[in-house]
Amino acid sequence: MTDHPSGVAAEELAARYLATQGLRVIVRNYRCRFGEIDLIAKDGEALVFVEVRLRRSGRFGGALASITPAKQKKLIATARCYLSGLRDVPSCRFDAILLDALDARRIEWLRDIIAE
């Protein structure tokens, strides 16, 4: 998402929001040959892979609809790549931060968006 200035702003807004919810962002824009994960955070002992989506229009299904099965496969492969570098693998989940504007009051946080 970081190729566009609004994407950078959306990720920053998402990171600040997650911090207010008690999560600690430990990695931003993790990339490997499989893809990119916008944010990786700790929620207690759990590792959370966060996809940030900004969609100003619902014309194509909105932000959630943009996380297609193909995108989910890329997220899983990228997360596995990240986890391969850890000595101990914690419990993990995939969350999404959905925005239709750059406004913290309009953030929708969905937990466990991918059943792995």
Protein backbone atom coordinates (compact mmCIF):
# COMPACT_ATOMS: atom_id res chain seq x y z
CA MET A 1 0.00 0.00 0.00
CA THR A 2 2.94 2.37 0.50
CA ASP A 3 3.42 3.28 -3.16
CA HIS A 4 1.01 6.18 -2.79
CA PRO A 5 1.08 9.05 -0.26
CA SER A 6 -2.44 8.20 0.92
CA GLY A 7 -1.27 4.60 1.47
CA VAL A 8 1.55 5.80 3.70
CA ALA A 9 -0.91 7.99 5.62
CA ALA A 10 -3.37 5.09 5.96
CA GLU A 11 -0.67 2.79 7.36
CA GLU A 12 0.46 5.45 9.83
CA LEU A 13 -3.14 6.02 10.94
CA ALA A 14 -3.62 2.25 11.31
CA ALA A 15 -0.41 1.87 13.35
CA ARG A 16 -1.45 4.67 15.72
CA TYR A 17 -4.93 3.20 16.06
CA LEU A 18 -3.58 -0.27 16.88
CA ALA A 19 -1.28 1.26 19.50
CA THR A 20 -4.32 2.83 21.20
CA GLN A 21 -5.85 -0.65 21.26
CA GLY A 22 -2.82 -2.10 23.07
CA LEU A 23 -0.92 -3.60 20.13
CA ARG A 24 2.74 -2.86 19.49
CA VAL A 25 3.78 -2.50 15.86
CA ILE A 26 7.16 -4.20 15.41
CA VAL A 27 7.58 -4.18 11.61
CA ARG A 28 6.26 -1.93 8.87
CA ASN A 29 6.14 -2.94 5.22
CA TYR A 30 7.75 -6.36 5.51
CA ARG A 31 8.66 -7.56 2.03
CA CYS A 32 9.88 -10.86 0.65
CA ARG A 33 9.63 -12.57 -2.71
CA PHE A 34 6.00 -13.54 -2.03
CA GLY A 35 4.64 -10.09 -1.29
CA GLU A 36 4.30 -7.45 1.39
CA ILE A 37 2.65 -7.21 4.79
CA ASP A 38 1.76 -3.67 5.77
CA LEU A 39 2.16 -4.02 9.55
CA ILE A 40 3.29 -6.76 11.89
CA ALA A 41 2.28 -6.22 15.50
CA LYS A 42 2.31 -7.96 18.86
CA ASP A 43 -0.98 -8.39 20.68
CA GLY A 44 0.18 -9.81 23.98
CA GLU A 45 2.10 -12.93 22.96
CA ALA A 46 0.33 -13.23 19.59
CA LEU A 47 1.84 -12.03 16.34
CA VAL A 48 -0.61 -10.12 14.16
CA PHE A 49 -0.15 -9.64 10.41
CA VAL A 50 -2.14 -6.56 9.45
CA GLU A 51 -3.41 -5.65 5.99
CA VAL A 52 -4.33 -1.98 5.68
CA ARG A 53 -6.89 -1.10 3.02
CA LEU A 54 -8.06 2.37 2.03
CA ARG A 55 -10.96 2.46 -0.39
CA ARG A 56 -12.66 5.79 -0.88
CA SER A 57 -15.39 4.20 -2.99
CA GLY A 58 -17.50 1.11 -2.45
CA ARG A 59 -17.99 0.80 -6.20
CA PHE A 60 -15.89 -2.36 -6.39
CA GLY A 61 -17.02 -3.84 -3.09
CA GLY A 62 -15.14 -1.66 -0.63
CA ALA A 63 -11.98 -2.29 1.33
CA LEU A 64 -12.79 -5.81 2.58
CA ALA A 65 -13.69 -7.06 -0.89
CA SER A 66 -10.22 -6.02 -2.06
CA ILE A 67 -8.66 -8.74 0.12
CA THR A 68 -9.33 -11.44 -2.44
CA PRO A 69 -8.50 -15.15 -2.10
CA ALA A 70 -5.39 -14.52 -4.23
CA LYS A 71 -4.33 -11.68 -1.91
CA GLN A 72 -4.95 -13.94 1.10
CA LYS A 73 -2.65 -16.59 -0.38
CA LYS A 74 0.08 -13.97 -0.84
CA LEU A 75 -0.37 -12.78 2.73
CA ILE A 76 -0.07 -16.33 4.06
CA ALA A 77 3.06 -17.03 1.99
CA THR A 78 4.62 -13.74 3.08
CA ALA A 79 3.81 -14.43 6.73
CA ARG A 80 5.39 -17.87 6.45
CA CYS A 81 8.50 -16.24 5.02
CA TYR A 82 8.64 -13.87 8.02
CA LEU A 83 8.04 -16.69 10.49
CA SER A 84 10.83 -18.79 8.96
CA GLY A 85 13.30 -16.28 10.39
CA LEU A 86 12.08 -16.68 13.96
CA ARG A 87 13.47 -19.15 16.44
CA ASP A 88 10.13 -19.70 18.17
CA VAL A 89 6.85 -19.33 16.28
CA PRO A 90 4.14 -17.65 18.39
CA SER A 91 0.41 -17.90 17.83
CA CYS A 92 -0.52 -15.78 14.83
CA ARG A 93 -3.51 -14.18 13.18
CA PHE A 94 -4.34 -11.98 10.22
CA ASP A 95 -6.23 -8.75 10.82
CA ALA A 96 -7.40 -5.98 8.53
CA ILE A 97 -7.70 -2.27 9.10
CA LEU A 98 -10.30 -0.92 6.69
CA LEU A 99 -10.67 2.75 5.88
CA ASP A 100 -12.95 4.66 3.57
CA ALA A 101 -11.28 7.96 4.52
CA LEU A 102 -8.16 9.09 6.36
CA ASP A 103 -10.16 9.51 9.56
CA ALA A 104 -9.41 7.54 12.74
CA ARG A 105 -13.08 7.68 13.74
CA ARG A 106 -13.99 5.65 10.65
CA ILE A 107 -11.53 2.79 11.10
CA GLU A 108 -12.95 -0.70 10.95
CA TRP A 109 -10.70 -3.33 12.56
CA LEU A 110 -11.42 -6.92 11.64
CA ARG A 111 -9.62 -9.71 13.50
CA ASP A 112 -8.89 -13.18 12.12
CA ILE A 113 -9.76 -12.40 8.52
CA ILE A 114 -8.02 -15.54 7.22
CA ALA A 115 -8.82 -19.00 8.52
CA GLU A 116 -5.50 -20.81 8.16
